[in-house]
Amino acid sequence: MAKITLISIFFLLLSFLVLVRAVDFAKPTYRRHSRTRVFVKEQCQTTRYPKLCVHCLSSHVSFSTTQNHQQLAHIALLKVSLVRANYARTYLINVATQLKQVKAKEYQTIKDCLDQINDGVRQLTKSVKEMPKINVEDDEYGFVWYKSNVQSWASAALTDTLTCMDGFSGYPMGGKTRAIVKAKVLNVAQVTSNALALFNRYVAKQRATYSHKPQP
């Protein structure tokens, strides 16, 4: 009986030590996740849709991204805006194909919207490719060139989504299809607006560093 008791106590102690060790390992991970989420929430406060911004970025931003404003804006464009724009485009292609087959009068409206979203995808793709070219070690003129390209193309993509939605104003395209199309396109517009705001925040911070650099 004594042996059984001692063995039981031994395993209880061992289990306790394992649990304590697991908690110790978990603490740094928890702190990293907390710091990352705080960083994302702080940056998203400058956007037009902060809750959506936090929701979209929290699953993509790693601890290494914390305090890296350029990388955060790049993630917002690449993994959120561009991905959702492609999803919307795929849906619109399917809807347009179905409407064309039945020669529906709504086809042209969807086709016009699809053209806008296609252009938006192209603009976002160019923005995503351009952003890594921005090197903080470059002179201010190089910085201005690349950041202007990103801003212009991302803004054009945002305009494309808004133009698409304007095409539905007052148009009697029915029910569920119209609601889904508008919801998807509106979502692309919102996340693109957020990504552009995050990039502009990064630009403002970088400009401040140039203003404090000694002039040659």
Protein backbone atom coordinates (compact mmCIF):
# COMPACT_ATOMS: atom_id res chain seq x y z
CA MET A 1 0.00 0.00 0.00
CA ALA A 2 2.87 2.32 0.86
CA LYS A 3 4.50 1.57 -2.49
CA ILE A 4 1.32 2.39 -4.33
CA THR A 5 1.01 5.66 -2.44
CA LEU A 6 4.60 6.64 -3.15
CA ILE A 7 4.22 5.80 -6.83
CA SER A 8 1.02 7.83 -7.00
CA ILE A 9 2.69 10.79 -5.33
CA PHE A 10 5.64 10.51 -7.71
CA PHE A 11 3.41 10.63 -10.79
CA LEU A 12 1.41 13.49 -9.36
CA LEU A 13 4.59 15.48 -8.81
CA LEU A 14 5.82 14.61 -12.28
CA SER A 15 2.53 15.71 -13.83
CA PHE A 16 2.68 18.95 -11.89
CA LEU A 17 6.21 19.69 -13.08
CA VAL A 18 5.23 18.98 -16.69
CA LEU A 19 2.24 21.32 -16.35
CA VAL A 20 4.36 24.10 -14.85
CA ARG A 21 6.89 23.68 -17.64
CA ALA A 22 4.16 23.86 -20.27
CA VAL A 23 2.82 27.06 -18.75
CA ASP A 24 6.32 28.56 -18.79
CA PHE A 25 6.67 27.74 -22.46
CA ALA A 26 3.24 29.18 -23.21
CA LYS A 27 3.91 32.53 -21.55
CA PRO A 28 6.35 33.89 -24.17
CA THR A 29 4.00 32.80 -26.97
CA TYR A 30 1.06 34.49 -25.25
CA ARG A 31 3.07 37.66 -24.76
CA ARG A 32 4.13 37.63 -28.41
CA HIS A 33 0.54 37.24 -29.59
CA SER A 34 -0.61 39.99 -27.22
CA ARG A 35 2.05 42.42 -28.40
CA THR A 36 1.29 41.62 -32.03
CA ARG A 37 -2.44 42.20 -31.58
CA VAL A 38 -1.82 45.46 -29.72
CA PHE A 39 0.41 46.64 -32.57
CA VAL A 40 -2.22 45.73 -35.18
CA LYS A 41 -5.00 47.45 -33.22
CA GLU A 42 -2.93 50.61 -32.83
CA GLN A 43 -2.17 50.79 -36.55
CA CYS A 44 -5.74 49.98 -37.55
CA GLN A 45 -7.08 52.92 -35.57
CA THR A 46 -5.94 55.17 -38.42
CA THR A 47 -8.05 53.30 -40.97
CA ARG A 48 -11.64 53.94 -41.96
CA TYR A 49 -12.75 50.44 -40.95
CA PRO A 50 -10.65 49.59 -37.87
CA LYS A 51 -12.59 46.50 -36.74
CA LEU A 52 -12.38 44.97 -40.20
CA CYS A 53 -8.70 45.90 -40.34
CA VAL A 54 -7.92 44.08 -37.07
CA HIS A 55 -10.02 41.07 -38.08
CA CYS A 56 -8.29 40.70 -41.45
CA LEU A 57 -4.71 41.28 -40.33
CA SER A 58 -4.57 39.45 -36.99
CA SER A 59 -4.28 36.04 -38.63
CA HIS A 60 -1.55 37.18 -41.05
CA VAL A 61 0.74 39.31 -38.90
CA SER A 62 3.55 37.54 -37.06
CA PHE A 63 5.59 38.69 -34.09
CA SER A 64 8.44 39.60 -36.44
CA THR A 65 6.15 42.11 -38.18
CA THR A 66 5.62 44.09 -34.99
CA GLN A 67 6.86 47.67 -35.39
CA ASN A 68 7.45 47.10 -39.12
CA HIS A 69 4.97 49.48 -40.71
CA GLN A 70 6.09 48.81 -44.26
CA GLN A 71 5.63 45.07 -43.88
CA LEU A 72 2.22 45.54 -42.28
CA ALA A 73 1.03 47.65 -45.22
CA HIS A 74 2.46 45.10 -47.64
CA ILE A 75 0.56 42.29 -45.92
CA ALA A 76 -2.63 44.36 -46.04
CA LEU A 77 -2.26 44.78 -49.81
CA LEU A 78 -0.99 41.29 -50.65
CA LYS A 79 -2.78 38.93 -48.29
CA VAL A 80 -6.01 40.86 -47.80
CA SER A 81 -6.84 43.30 -50.62
CA LEU A 82 -5.42 41.33 -53.52
CA VAL A 83 -6.74 38.01 -52.25
CA ARG A 84 -10.26 39.36 -51.76
CA ALA A 85 -10.21 41.15 -55.09
CA ASN A 86 -9.36 37.85 -56.77
CA TYR A 87 -12.18 36.11 -54.90
CA ALA A 88 -14.61 38.79 -56.07
CA ARG A 89 -13.34 38.50 -59.63
CA THR A 90 -13.83 34.72 -59.64
CA TYR A 91 -17.39 35.11 -58.41
CA LEU A 92 -18.14 37.78 -61.01
CA ILE A 93 -16.73 35.61 -63.81
CA ASN A 94 -19.08 32.80 -62.82
CA VAL A 95 -22.09 35.11 -62.60
CA ALA A 96 -21.27 36.78 -65.92
CA THR A 97 -20.90 33.40 -67.62
CA GLN A 98 -24.29 32.24 -66.36
CA LEU A 99 -26.04 35.49 -67.32
CA LYS A 100 -24.49 35.48 -70.77
CA GLN A 101 -25.69 31.95 -71.42
CA VAL A 102 -29.31 32.89 -70.71
CA LYS A 103 -28.92 36.29 -72.38
CA ALA A 104 -30.04 38.08 -69.24
CA LYS A 105 -30.35 41.86 -69.35
CA GLU A 106 -28.23 42.10 -66.20
CA TYR A 107 -25.23 40.66 -68.02
CA GLN A 108 -23.82 44.01 -69.18
CA THR A 109 -23.91 45.47 -65.68
CA ILE A 110 -22.01 42.49 -64.30
CA LYS A 111 -19.61 42.57 -67.25
CA ASP A 112 -18.85 46.26 -66.63
CA CYS A 113 -18.26 45.54 -62.95
CA LEU A 114 -15.99 42.62 -63.83
CA ASP A 115 -13.94 44.89 -66.09
CA GLN A 116 -13.45 47.28 -63.18
CA ILE A 117 -12.46 44.51 -60.79
CA ASN A 118 -10.04 43.06 -63.35
CA ASP A 119 -8.37 46.44 -63.58
CA GLY A 120 -8.35 46.69 -59.78
CA VAL A 121 -6.57 43.35 -59.52
CA ARG A 122 -3.94 44.59 -61.98
CA GLN A 123 -3.44 47.80 -60.02
CA LEU A 124 -3.14 45.96 -56.70
CA THR A 125 -0.69 43.49 -58.22
CA LYS A 126 1.52 46.35 -59.36
CA SER A 127 1.33 47.94 -55.92
CA VAL A 128 2.32 44.69 -54.22
CA LYS A 129 5.31 44.26 -56.54
CA GLU A 130 6.41 47.86 -56.15
CA MET A 131 6.36 48.08 -52.37
CA PRO A 132 9.41 45.84 -51.67
CA LYS A 133 11.46 48.17 -53.88
CA ILE A 134 11.10 50.87 -51.24
CA ASN A 135 14.37 50.79 -49.36
CA VAL A 136 14.65 52.98 -46.30
CA GLU A 137 18.34 53.39 -47.05
CA ASP A 138 17.59 55.00 -50.42
CA ASP A 139 17.61 58.76 -50.76
CA GLU A 140 14.36 60.64 -50.41
CA TYR A 141 13.89 60.98 -54.16
CA GLY A 142 13.89 57.22 -54.66
CA PHE A 143 11.49 56.83 -51.78
CA VAL A 144 9.09 59.41 -53.23
CA TRP A 145 9.11 57.67 -56.64
CA TYR A 146 8.21 54.22 -55.35
CA LYS A 147 5.72 55.38 -52.72
CA SER A 148 3.93 57.54 -55.31
CA ASN A 149 3.54 54.50 -57.56
CA VAL A 150 2.08 52.40 -54.76
CA GLN A 151 -0.32 55.16 -53.72
CA SER A 152 -1.45 55.81 -57.30
CA TRP A 153 -2.10 52.16 -58.12
CA ALA A 154 -3.79 51.32 -54.82
CA SER A 155 -5.98 54.42 -55.15
CA ALA A 156 -6.89 53.40 -58.71
CA ALA A 157 -7.90 49.95 -57.45
CA LEU A 158 -10.11 51.55 -54.82
CA THR A 159 -11.71 53.76 -57.48
CA ASP A 160 -12.37 50.68 -59.62
CA THR A 161 -14.39 49.02 -56.85
CA LEU A 162 -16.40 52.18 -56.22
CA THR A 163 -17.11 52.55 -59.94
CA CYS A 164 -18.33 48.96 -60.02
CA MET A 165 -20.76 49.60 -57.17
CA ASP A 166 -21.98 52.81 -58.80
CA GLY A 167 -23.04 50.72 -61.78
CA PHE A 168 -25.64 49.01 -59.61
CA SER A 169 -27.24 52.23 -58.39
CA GLY A 170 -30.85 52.30 -59.42
CA TYR A 171 -30.46 49.16 -61.50
CA PRO A 172 -33.17 46.55 -60.91
CA MET A 173 -30.94 43.51 -60.82
CA GLY A 174 -32.56 41.10 -58.51
CA GLY A 175 -32.23 39.78 -55.17
CA LYS A 176 -29.56 37.43 -53.93
CA THR A 177 -27.06 37.77 -56.79
CA ARG A 178 -27.01 41.54 -56.58
CA ALA A 179 -26.63 41.45 -52.80
CA ILE A 180 -23.70 39.01 -52.96
CA VAL A 181 -21.93 40.95 -55.71
CA LYS A 182 -22.28 44.25 -53.86
CA ALA A 183 -21.15 42.68 -50.58
CA LYS A 184 -18.03 41.19 -52.15
CA VAL A 185 -17.10 44.34 -54.03
CA LEU A 186 -17.80 46.52 -50.99
CA ASN A 187 -15.51 44.31 -48.93
CA VAL A 188 -12.72 44.75 -51.49
CA ALA A 189 -13.23 48.51 -51.34
CA GLN A 190 -13.09 48.55 -47.54
CA VAL A 191 -9.96 46.42 -47.16
CA THR A 192 -8.23 48.36 -49.95
CA SER A 193 -9.09 51.62 -48.20
CA ASN A 194 -7.58 50.20 -45.01
CA ALA A 195 -4.44 49.01 -46.78
CA LEU A 196 -3.96 52.42 -48.35
CA ALA A 197 -4.38 54.10 -44.97
CA LEU A 198 -1.75 51.80 -43.43
CA PHE A 199 0.62 52.55 -46.27
CA ASN A 200 0.07 56.29 -45.89
CA ARG A 201 0.84 55.94 -42.18
CA TYR A 202 4.11 54.22 -43.06
CA VAL A 203 4.90 56.97 -45.58
CA ALA A 204 4.32 59.67 -42.97
CA LYS A 205 6.68 57.95 -40.53
CA GLN A 206 9.35 57.50 -43.18
CA ARG A 207 9.13 61.13 -44.25
CA ALA A 208 9.75 62.10 -40.65
CA THR A 209 13.00 60.11 -40.64
CA TYR A 210 14.18 61.89 -43.80
CA SER A 211 13.41 65.27 -42.31
CA HIS A 212 15.74 64.47 -39.39
CA LYS A 213 18.60 63.23 -41.56
CA PRO A 214 21.52 65.64 -41.94
CA GLN A 215 21.61 67.29 -45.33
CA PRO A 216 24.75 66.67 -47.46
